[in-house]
Amino acid sequence: MDTTTPHGELLFSIFGALAQYERALTRERVVAGLAAARRRGRRGGRPPTLDPEQIEQITAALDGGASKASVCRTFKVPRSTLLDTLAWVGWTSPAKA
């Protein structure tokens, strides 16, 4: 396709517009599918590593003076998972006296 001619430029523009339209339709369908799944009670994504009971035990242990390293070993979770979970629940370390 020779895009230096008016005919080529028109075709190139039409193909671009069709691609953009197709992308918008795909996105619309995906969003509608996710909304329908949510209405059926389905959640996407990876299952959480720690359940609420474990998070409660972890925060209690940390409040009691346990180190993050020992908590990671006890609950068999990586440090990054522990830190992300603590940030997600809004836990802050107790102030040292």
PDB file of N, CA and C in Angstrom:
ATOM      1  N   MET A   1       0.849  -1.164   0.000  1.00  0.00           N
ATOM      2  CA  MET A   1       0.000   0.000   0.000  1.00  0.00           C
ATOM      3  C   MET A   1       0.905   1.241   0.000  1.00  0.00           C
ATOM      4  N   ASP A   2       0.630   2.094  -0.924  1.00  0.00           N
ATOM      5  CA  ASP A   2       1.412   3.321  -1.061  1.00  0.00           C
ATOM      6  C   ASP A   2       0.673   4.443  -0.337  1.00  0.00           C
ATOM      7  N   THR A   3       1.184   4.829   0.847  1.00  0.00           N
ATOM      8  CA  THR A   3       0.499   5.831   1.660  1.00  0.00           C
ATOM      9  C   THR A   3       0.831   7.259   1.238  1.00  0.00           C
ATOM     10  N   THR A   4       1.602   7.407   0.179  1.00  0.00           N
ATOM     11  CA  THR A   4       1.911   8.757  -0.301  1.00  0.00           C
ATOM     12  C   THR A   4       0.812   9.274  -1.221  1.00  0.00           C
ATOM     13  N   THR A   5      -0.058   8.379  -1.694  1.00  0.00           N
ATOM     14  CA  THR A   5      -1.161   8.797  -2.564  1.00  0.00           C
ATOM     15  C   THR A   5      -2.422   9.020  -1.733  1.00  0.00           C
ATOM     16  N   PRO A   6      -3.351   9.804  -2.226  1.00  0.00           N
ATOM     17  CA  PRO A   6      -4.600  10.018  -1.488  1.00  0.00           C
ATOM     18  C   PRO A   6      -5.366   8.709  -1.245  1.00  0.00           C
ATOM     19  N   HIS A   7      -5.336   7.820  -2.254  1.00  0.00           N
ATOM     20  CA  HIS A   7      -6.024   6.531  -2.126  1.00  0.00           C
ATOM     21  C   HIS A   7      -5.394   5.702  -0.997  1.00  0.00           C
ATOM     22  N   GLY A   8      -4.087   5.640  -0.961  1.00  0.00           N
ATOM     23  CA  GLY A   8      -3.377   4.879   0.075  1.00  0.00           C
ATOM     24  C   GLY A   8      -3.582   5.476   1.456  1.00  0.00           C
ATOM     25  N   GLU A   9      -3.586   6.790   1.512  1.00  0.00           N
ATOM     26  CA  GLU A   9      -3.799   7.463   2.795  1.00  0.00           C
ATOM     27  C   GLU A   9      -5.208   7.180   3.326  1.00  0.00           C
ATOM     28  N   LEU A  10      -6.201   7.173   2.437  1.00  0.00           N
ATOM     29  CA  LEU A  10      -7.574   6.869   2.830  1.00  0.00           C
ATOM     30  C   LEU A  10      -7.674   5.444   3.367  1.00  0.00           C
ATOM     31  N   LEU A  11      -7.109   4.489   2.660  1.00  0.00           N
ATOM     32  CA  LEU A  11      -7.160   3.091   3.112  1.00  0.00           C
ATOM     33  C   LEU A  11      -6.469   2.923   4.465  1.00  0.00           C
ATOM     34  N   PHE A  12      -5.333   3.571   4.610  1.00  0.00           N
ATOM     35  CA  PHE A  12      -4.588   3.482   5.862  1.00  0.00           C
ATOM     36  C   PHE A  12      -5.429   4.044   7.013  1.00  0.00           C
ATOM     37  N   SER A  13      -6.109   5.149   6.787  1.00  0.00           N
ATOM     38  CA  SER A  13      -6.965   5.752   7.808  1.00  0.00           C
ATOM     39  C   SER A  13      -8.152   4.856   8.140  1.00  0.00           C
ATOM     40  N   ILE A  14      -8.739   4.244   7.124  1.00  0.00           N
ATOM     41  CA  ILE A  14      -9.883   3.344   7.346  1.00  0.00           C
ATOM     42  C   ILE A  14      -9.449   2.135   8.160  1.00  0.00           C
ATOM     43  N   PHE A  15      -8.302   1.531   7.827  1.00  0.00           N
ATOM     44  CA  PHE A  15      -7.809   0.373   8.587  1.00  0.00           C
ATOM     45  C   PHE A  15      -7.536   0.749  10.041  1.00  0.00           C
ATOM     46  N   GLY A  16      -6.988   1.923  10.251  1.00  0.00           N
ATOM     47  CA  GLY A  16      -6.737   2.389  11.617  1.00  0.00           C
ATOM     48  C   GLY A  16      -8.026   2.584  12.401  1.00  0.00           C
ATOM     49  N   ALA A  17      -9.030   3.160  11.731  1.00  0.00           N
ATOM     50  CA  ALA A  17     -10.319   3.384  12.396  1.00  0.00           C
ATOM     51  C   ALA A  17     -10.998   2.048  12.714  1.00  0.00           C
ATOM     52  N   LEU A  18     -10.908   1.083  11.807  1.00  0.00           N
ATOM     53  CA  LEU A  18     -11.486  -0.238  12.059  1.00  0.00           C
ATOM     54  C   LEU A  18     -10.781  -0.938  13.219  1.00  0.00           C
ATOM     55  N   ALA A  19      -9.469  -0.824  13.294  1.00  0.00           N
ATOM     56  CA  ALA A  19      -8.722  -1.436  14.387  1.00  0.00           C
ATOM     57  C   ALA A  19      -9.113  -0.800  15.716  1.00  0.00           C
ATOM     58  N   GLN A  20      -9.254   0.503  15.744  1.00  0.00           N
ATOM     59  CA  GLN A  20      -9.644   1.210  16.959  1.00  0.00           C
ATOM     60  C   GLN A  20     -11.056   0.805  17.385  1.00  0.00           C
ATOM     61  N   TYR A  21     -11.954   0.667  16.422  1.00  0.00           N
ATOM     62  CA  TYR A  21     -13.329   0.249  16.690  1.00  0.00           C
ATOM     63  C   TYR A  21     -13.361  -1.167  17.270  1.00  0.00           C
ATOM     64  N   GLU A  22     -12.602  -2.059  16.660  1.00  0.00           N
ATOM     65  CA  GLU A  22     -12.552  -3.446  17.122  1.00  0.00           C
ATOM     66  C   GLU A  22     -12.003  -3.523  18.542  1.00  0.00           C
ATOM     67  N   ARG A  23     -10.994  -2.734  18.856  1.00  0.00           N
ATOM     68  CA  ARG A  23     -10.414  -2.703  20.197  1.00  0.00           C
ATOM     69  C   ARG A  23     -11.440  -2.200  21.213  1.00  0.00           C
ATOM     70  N   ALA A  24     -12.209  -1.192  20.851  1.00  0.00           N
ATOM     71  CA  ALA A  24     -13.234  -0.658  21.748  1.00  0.00           C
ATOM     72  C   ALA A  24     -14.333  -1.689  21.993  1.00  0.00           C
ATOM     73  N   LEU A  25     -14.727  -2.417  20.957  1.00  0.00           N
ATOM     74  CA  LEU A  25     -15.745  -3.462  21.119  1.00  0.00           C
ATOM     75  C   LEU A  25     -15.242  -4.567  22.046  1.00  0.00           C
ATOM     76  N   THR A  26     -13.992  -4.972  21.864  1.00  0.00           N
ATOM     77  CA  THR A  26     -13.416  -6.012  22.704  1.00  0.00           C
ATOM     78  C   THR A  26     -13.403  -5.567  24.163  1.00  0.00           C
ATOM     79  N   ARG A  27     -12.961  -4.343  24.397  1.00  0.00           N
ATOM     80  CA  ARG A  27     -12.925  -3.830  25.766  1.00  0.00           C
ATOM     81  C   ARG A  27     -14.330  -3.776  26.372  1.00  0.00           C
ATOM     82  N   GLU A  28     -15.299  -3.337  25.599  1.00  0.00           N
ATOM     83  CA  GLU A  28     -16.679  -3.267  26.074  1.00  0.00           C
ATOM     84  C   GLU A  28     -17.192  -4.646  26.468  1.00  0.00           C
ATOM     85  N   ARG A  29     -16.883  -5.656  25.660  1.00  0.00           N
ATOM     86  CA  ARG A  29     -17.316  -7.027  25.952  1.00  0.00           C
ATOM     87  C   ARG A  29     -16.643  -7.576  27.206  1.00  0.00           C
ATOM     88  N   VAL A  30     -15.361  -7.289  27.363  1.00  0.00           N
ATOM     89  CA  VAL A  30     -14.637  -7.765  28.548  1.00  0.00           C
ATOM     90  C   VAL A  30     -15.206  -7.136  29.808  1.00  0.00           C
ATOM     91  N   VAL A  31     -15.449  -5.836  29.791  1.00  0.00           N
ATOM     92  CA  VAL A  31     -16.002  -5.145  30.958  1.00  0.00           C
ATOM     93  C   VAL A  31     -17.396  -5.689  31.279  1.00  0.00           C
ATOM     94  N   ALA A  32     -18.211  -5.933  30.261  1.00  0.00           N
ATOM     95  CA  ALA A  32     -19.554  -6.478  30.479  1.00  0.00           C
ATOM     96  C   ALA A  32     -19.468  -7.894  31.054  1.00  0.00           C
ATOM     97  N   GLY A  33     -18.525  -8.690  30.577  1.00  0.00           N
ATOM     98  CA  GLY A  33     -18.349 -10.044  31.093  1.00  0.00           C
ATOM     99  C   GLY A  33     -17.907 -10.049  32.541  1.00  0.00           C
ATOM    100  N   LEU A  34     -16.995  -9.160  32.895  1.00  0.00           N
ATOM    101  CA  LEU A  34     -16.543  -9.069  34.289  1.00  0.00           C
ATOM    102  C   LEU A  34     -17.676  -8.612  35.207  1.00  0.00           C
ATOM    103  N   ALA A  35     -18.478  -7.678  34.729  1.00  0.00           N
ATOM    104  CA  ALA A  35     -19.616  -7.203  35.525  1.00  0.00           C
ATOM    105  C   ALA A  35     -20.639  -8.321  35.718  1.00  0.00           C
ATOM    106  N   ALA A  36     -20.889  -9.099  34.681  1.00  0.00           N
ATOM    107  CA  ALA A  36     -21.834 -10.216  34.791  1.00  0.00           C
ATOM    108  C   ALA A  36     -21.312 -11.271  35.764  1.00  0.00           C
ATOM    109  N   ALA A  37     -20.028 -11.537  35.714  1.00  0.00           N
ATOM    110  CA  ALA A  37     -19.431 -12.510  36.637  1.00  0.00           C
ATOM    111  C   ALA A  37     -19.527 -12.001  38.072  1.00  0.00           C
ATOM    112  N   ARG A  38     -19.295 -10.711  38.276  1.00  0.00           N
ATOM    113  CA  ARG A  38     -19.393 -10.120  39.614  1.00  0.00           C
ATOM    114  C   ARG A  38     -20.817 -10.244  40.152  1.00  0.00           C
ATOM    115  N   ARG A  39     -21.815 -10.047  39.266  1.00  0.00           N
ATOM    116  CA  ARG A  39     -23.216 -10.183  39.689  1.00  0.00           C
ATOM    117  C   ARG A  39     -23.531 -11.621  40.091  1.00  0.00           C
ATOM    118  N   ARG A  40     -22.847 -12.591  39.475  1.00  0.00           N
ATOM    119  CA  ARG A  40     -23.046 -13.997  39.818  1.00  0.00           C
ATOM    120  C   ARG A  40     -22.241 -14.404  41.048  1.00  0.00           C
ATOM    121  N   GLY A  41     -21.501 -13.455  41.612  1.00  0.00           N
ATOM    122  CA  GLY A  41     -20.743 -13.751  42.815  1.00  0.00           C
ATOM    123  C   GLY A  41     -19.337 -14.264  42.564  1.00  0.00           C
ATOM    124  N   ARG A  42     -18.861 -14.163  41.357  1.00  0.00           N
ATOM    125  CA  ARG A  42     -17.514 -14.635  41.022  1.00  0.00           C
ATOM    126  C   ARG A  42     -16.525 -13.490  41.154  1.00  0.00           C
ATOM    127  N   ARG A  43     -15.344 -13.817  41.684  1.00  0.00           N
ATOM    128  CA  ARG A  43     -14.280 -12.821  41.794  1.00  0.00           C
ATOM    129  C   ARG A  43     -13.105 -13.317  40.981  1.00  0.00           C
ATOM    130  N   GLY A  44     -12.472 -12.395  40.296  1.00  0.00           N
ATOM    131  CA  GLY A  44     -11.307 -12.779  39.523  1.00  0.00           C
ATOM    132  C   GLY A  44     -10.043 -12.593  40.337  1.00  0.00           C
ATOM    133  N   GLY A  45      -8.950 -12.969  39.747  1.00  0.00           N
ATOM    134  CA  GLY A  45      -7.658 -12.758  40.384  1.00  0.00           C
ATOM    135  C   GLY A  45      -7.182 -13.958  41.177  1.00  0.00           C
ATOM    136  N   ARG A  46      -5.992 -13.798  41.695  1.00  0.00           N
ATOM    137  CA  ARG A  46      -5.361 -14.858  42.462  1.00  0.00           C
ATOM    138  C   ARG A  46      -5.967 -14.911  43.867  1.00  0.00           C
ATOM    139  N   PRO A  47      -6.154 -16.124  44.412  1.00  0.00           N
ATOM    140  CA  PRO A  47      -6.695 -16.219  45.772  1.00  0.00           C
ATOM    141  C   PRO A  47      -5.711 -15.632  46.783  1.00  0.00           C
ATOM    142  N   PRO A  48      -6.217 -15.056  47.866  1.00  0.00           N
ATOM    143  CA  PRO A  48      -5.320 -14.471  48.860  1.00  0.00           C
ATOM    144  C   PRO A  48      -4.481 -15.554  49.547  1.00  0.00           C
ATOM    145  N   THR A  49      -3.241 -15.216  49.870  1.00  0.00           N
ATOM    146  CA  THR A  49      -2.338 -16.154  50.529  1.00  0.00           C
ATOM    147  C   THR A  49      -2.710 -16.329  51.994  1.00  0.00           C
ATOM    148  N   LEU A  50      -3.080 -15.235  52.619  1.00  0.00           N
ATOM    149  CA  LEU A  50      -3.413 -15.251  54.044  1.00  0.00           C
ATOM    150  C   LEU A  50      -4.898 -14.981  54.235  1.00  0.00           C
ATOM    151  N   ASP A  51      -5.546 -15.810  55.064  1.00  0.00           N
ATOM    152  CA  ASP A  51      -6.958 -15.563  55.341  1.00  0.00           C
ATOM    153  C   ASP A  51      -7.079 -14.575  56.502  1.00  0.00           C
ATOM    154  N   PRO A  52      -8.268 -14.037  56.729  1.00  0.00           N
ATOM    155  CA  PRO A  52      -8.430 -13.020  57.776  1.00  0.00           C
ATOM    156  C   PRO A  52      -7.984 -13.488  59.167  1.00  0.00           C
ATOM    157  N   GLU A  53      -8.195 -14.759  59.467  1.00  0.00           N
ATOM    158  CA  GLU A  53      -7.773 -15.292  60.775  1.00  0.00           C
ATOM    159  C   GLU A  53      -6.253 -15.254  60.917  1.00  0.00           C
ATOM    160  N   GLN A  54      -5.554 -15.630  59.865  1.00  0.00           N
ATOM    161  CA  GLN A  54      -4.087 -15.584  59.893  1.00  0.00           C
ATOM    162  C   GLN A  54      -3.578 -14.149  60.012  1.00  0.00           C
ATOM    163  N   ILE A  55      -4.224 -13.229  59.321  1.00  0.00           N
ATOM    164  CA  ILE A  55      -3.818 -11.823  59.397  1.00  0.00           C
ATOM    165  C   ILE A  55      -3.979 -11.308  60.823  1.00  0.00           C
ATOM    166  N   GLU A  56      -5.067 -11.713  61.467  1.00  0.00           N
ATOM    167  CA  GLU A  56      -5.293 -11.325  62.858  1.00  0.00           C
ATOM    168  C   GLU A  56      -4.192 -11.889  63.766  1.00  0.00           C
ATOM    169  N   GLN A  57      -3.821 -13.152  63.544  1.00  0.00           N
ATOM    170  CA  GLN A  57      -2.754 -13.768  64.343  1.00  0.00           C
ATOM    171  C   GLN A  57      -1.420 -13.076  64.100  1.00  0.00           C
ATOM    172  N   ILE A  58      -1.160 -12.712  62.857  1.00  0.00           N
ATOM    173  CA  ILE A  58       0.097 -12.041  62.519  1.00  0.00           C
ATOM    174  C   ILE A  58       0.178 -10.678  63.189  1.00  0.00           C
ATOM    175  N   THR A  59      -0.894  -9.908  63.097  1.00  0.00           N
ATOM    176  CA  THR A  59      -0.855  -8.572  63.705  1.00  0.00           C
ATOM    177  C   THR A  59      -0.730  -8.677  65.225  1.00  0.00           C
ATOM    178  N   ALA A  60      -1.376  -9.697  65.820  1.00  0.00           N
ATOM    179  CA  ALA A  60      -1.250  -9.891  67.269  1.00  0.00           C
ATOM    180  C   ALA A  60       0.184 -10.255  67.638  1.00  0.00           C
ATOM    181  N   ALA A  61       0.818 -11.100  66.827  1.00  0.00           N
ATOM    182  CA  ALA A  61       2.202 -11.493  67.095  1.00  0.00           C
ATOM    183  C   ALA A  61       3.140 -10.294  66.951  1.00  0.00           C
ATOM    184  N   LEU A  62       2.934  -9.500  65.939  1.00  0.00           N
ATOM    185  CA  LEU A  62       3.785  -8.327  65.734  1.00  0.00           C
ATOM    186  C   LEU A  62       3.568  -7.295  66.839  1.00  0.00           C
ATOM    187  N   ASP A  63       2.322  -7.131  67.262  1.00  0.00           N
ATOM    188  CA  ASP A  63       2.039  -6.214  68.369  1.00  0.00           C
ATOM    189  C   ASP A  63       2.665  -6.727  69.668  1.00  0.00           C
ATOM    190  N   GLY A  64       2.796  -8.038  69.781  1.00  0.00           N
ATOM    191  CA  GLY A  64       3.398  -8.644  70.963  1.00  0.00           C
ATOM    192  C   GLY A  64       4.911  -8.605  70.958  1.00  0.00           C
ATOM    193  N   GLY A  65       5.506  -8.114  69.890  1.00  0.00           N
ATOM    194  CA  GLY A  65       6.961  -7.964  69.854  1.00  0.00           C
ATOM    195  C   GLY A  65       7.690  -8.944  68.960  1.00  0.00           C
ATOM    196  N   ALA A  66       6.978  -9.792  68.253  1.00  0.00           N
ATOM    197  CA  ALA A  66       7.640 -10.745  67.353  1.00  0.00           C
ATOM    198  C   ALA A  66       8.240  -9.998  66.163  1.00  0.00           C
ATOM    199  N   SER A  67       9.333 -10.531  65.648  1.00  0.00           N
ATOM    200  CA  SER A  67       9.958  -9.903  64.485  1.00  0.00           C
ATOM    201  C   SER A  67       9.226 -10.331  63.210  1.00  0.00           C
ATOM    202  N   LYS A  68       9.366  -9.520  62.188  1.00  0.00           N
ATOM    203  CA  LYS A  68       8.735  -9.853  60.909  1.00  0.00           C
ATOM    204  C   LYS A  68       9.345 -11.110  60.321  1.00  0.00           C
ATOM    205  N   ALA A  69      10.646 -11.316  60.522  1.00  0.00           N
ATOM    206  CA  ALA A  69      11.319 -12.508  60.006  1.00  0.00           C
ATOM    207  C   ALA A  69      10.751 -13.772  60.650  1.00  0.00           C
ATOM    208  N   SER A  70      10.522 -13.725  61.971  1.00  0.00           N
ATOM    209  CA  SER A  70       9.975 -14.914  62.642  1.00  0.00           C
ATOM    210  C   SER A  70       8.533 -15.172  62.206  1.00  0.00           C
ATOM    211  N   VAL A  71       7.772 -14.111  61.993  1.00  0.00           N
ATOM    212  CA  VAL A  71       6.397 -14.267  61.516  1.00  0.00           C
ATOM    213  C   VAL A  71       6.393 -14.893  60.117  1.00  0.00           C
ATOM    214  N   CYS A  72       7.313 -14.450  59.265  1.00  0.00           N
ATOM    215  CA  CYS A  72       7.411 -15.023  57.915  1.00  0.00           C
ATOM    216  C   CYS A  72       7.726 -16.514  57.980  1.00  0.00           C
ATOM    217  N   ARG A  73       8.641 -16.885  58.864  1.00  0.00           N
ATOM    218  CA  ARG A  73       8.994 -18.308  59.004  1.00  0.00           C
ATOM    219  C   ARG A  73       7.815 -19.106  59.549  1.00  0.00           C
ATOM    220  N   THR A  74       7.144 -18.558  60.546  1.00  0.00           N
ATOM    221  CA  THR A  74       6.034 -19.268  61.180  1.00  0.00           C
ATOM    222  C   THR A  74       4.878 -19.508  60.206  1.00  0.00           C
ATOM    223  N   PHE A  75       4.529 -18.485  59.444  1.00  0.00           N
ATOM    224  CA  PHE A  75       3.379 -18.595  58.540  1.00  0.00           C
ATOM    225  C   PHE A  75       3.761 -19.005  57.122  1.00  0.00           C
ATOM    226  N   LYS A  76       5.072 -19.221  56.909  1.00  0.00           N
ATOM    227  CA  LYS A  76       5.584 -19.679  55.605  1.00  0.00           C
ATOM    228  C   LYS A  76       5.128 -18.769  54.457  1.00  0.00           C
ATOM    229  N   VAL A  77       5.368 -17.458  54.652  1.00  0.00           N
ATOM    230  CA  VAL A  77       5.061 -16.491  53.606  1.00  0.00           C
ATOM    231  C   VAL A  77       6.299 -15.648  53.335  1.00  0.00           C
ATOM    232  N   PRO A  78       6.489 -15.211  52.101  1.00  0.00           N
ATOM    233  CA  PRO A  78       7.614 -14.323  51.801  1.00  0.00           C
ATOM    234  C   PRO A  78       7.436 -12.972  52.501  1.00  0.00           C
ATOM    235  N   ARG A  79       8.548 -12.319  52.759  1.00  0.00           N
ATOM    236  CA  ARG A  79       8.520 -11.016  53.434  1.00  0.00           C
ATOM    237  C   ARG A  79       7.706 -10.000  52.631  1.00  0.00           C
ATOM    238  N   SER A  80       7.823 -10.046  51.302  1.00  0.00           N
ATOM    239  CA  SER A  80       7.074  -9.100  50.467  1.00  0.00           C
ATOM    240  C   SER A  80       5.565  -9.291  50.637  1.00  0.00           C
ATOM    241  N   THR A  81       5.115 -10.543  50.753  1.00  0.00           N
ATOM    242  CA  THR A  81       3.693 -10.810  50.963  1.00  0.00           C
ATOM    243  C   THR A  81       3.255 -10.272  52.318  1.00  0.00           C
ATOM    244  N   LEU A  82       4.094 -10.494  53.329  1.00  0.00           N
ATOM    245  CA  LEU A  82       3.778  -9.991  54.663  1.00  0.00           C
ATOM    246  C   LEU A  82       3.658  -8.464  54.654  1.00  0.00           C
ATOM    247  N   LEU A  83       4.628  -7.795  54.061  1.00  0.00           N
ATOM    248  CA  LEU A  83       4.615  -6.333  54.040  1.00  0.00           C
ATOM    249  C   LEU A  83       3.422  -5.796  53.248  1.00  0.00           C
ATOM    250  N   ASP A  84       3.121  -6.414  52.110  1.00  0.00           N
ATOM    251  CA  ASP A  84       1.967  -5.986  51.305  1.00  0.00           C
ATOM    252  C   ASP A  84       0.665  -6.176  52.085  1.00  0.00           C
ATOM    253  N   THR A  85       0.541  -7.313  52.786  1.00  0.00           N
ATOM    254  CA  THR A  85      -0.675  -7.583  53.549  1.00  0.00           C
ATOM    255  C   THR A  85      -0.819  -6.607  54.701  1.00  0.00           C
ATOM    256  N   LEU A  86       0.282  -6.326  55.385  1.00  0.00           N
ATOM    257  CA  LEU A  86       0.231  -5.377  56.500  1.00  0.00           C
ATOM    258  C   LEU A  86      -0.150  -3.976  56.015  1.00  0.00           C
ATOM    259  N   ALA A  87       0.369  -3.595  54.864  1.00  0.00           N
ATOM    260  CA  ALA A  87       0.008  -2.290  54.296  1.00  0.00           C
ATOM    261  C   ALA A  87      -1.464  -2.273  53.906  1.00  0.00           C
ATOM    262  N   TRP A  88      -1.951  -3.386  53.377  1.00  0.00           N
ATOM    263  CA  TRP A  88      -3.336  -3.477  52.931  1.00  0.00           C
ATOM    264  C   TRP A  88      -4.307  -3.354  54.103  1.00  0.00           C
ATOM    265  N   VAL A  89      -3.965  -3.962  55.261  1.00  0.00           N
ATOM    266  CA  VAL A  89      -4.862  -3.890  56.422  1.00  0.00           C
ATOM    267  C   VAL A  89      -4.627  -2.625  57.244  1.00  0.00           C
ATOM    268  N   GLY A  90      -3.574  -1.873  56.912  1.00  0.00           N
ATOM    269  CA  GLY A  90      -3.325  -0.615  57.598  1.00  0.00           C
ATOM    270  C   GLY A  90      -2.590  -0.756  58.923  1.00  0.00           C
ATOM    271  N   TRP A  91      -1.864  -1.855  59.094  1.00  0.00           N
ATOM    272  CA  TRP A  91      -1.130  -2.080  60.349  1.00  0.00           C
ATOM    273  C   TRP A  91       0.103  -1.195  60.384  1.00  0.00           C
ATOM    274  N   THR A  92       0.352  -0.597  61.539  1.00  0.00           N
ATOM    275  CA  THR A  92       1.579   0.167  61.741  1.00  0.00           C
ATOM    276  C   THR A  92       2.292  -0.418  62.946  1.00  0.00           C
ATOM    277  N   SER A  93       3.608  -0.408  62.907  1.00  0.00           N
ATOM    278  CA  SER A  93       4.374  -0.996  64.001  1.00  0.00           C
ATOM    279  C   SER A  93       4.181  -0.168  65.268  1.00  0.00           C
ATOM    280  N   PRO A  94       4.171  -0.853  66.414  1.00  0.00           N
ATOM    281  CA  PRO A  94       4.005  -0.109  67.668  1.00  0.00           C
ATOM    282  C   PRO A  94       5.206   0.779  67.917  1.00  0.00           C
ATOM    283  N   ALA A  95       4.978   1.939  68.515  1.00  0.00           N
ATOM    284  CA  ALA A  95       6.064   2.880  68.796  1.00  0.00           C
ATOM    285  C   ALA A  95       6.953   2.312  69.894  1.00  0.00           C
ATOM    286  N   LYS A  96       8.250   2.403  69.682  1.00  0.00           N
ATOM    287  CA  LYS A  96       9.198   1.906  70.680  1.00  0.00           C
ATOM    288  C   LYS A  96       9.397   2.959  71.756  1.00  0.00           C
ATOM    289  N   ALA A  97       9.379   2.501  73.001  1.00  0.00           N
ATOM    290  CA  ALA A  97       9.528   3.442  74.122  1.00  0.00           C
ATOM    291  C   ALA A  97      10.963   3.695  74.474  1.00  0.00           C
TER     292      ALA A  97
END
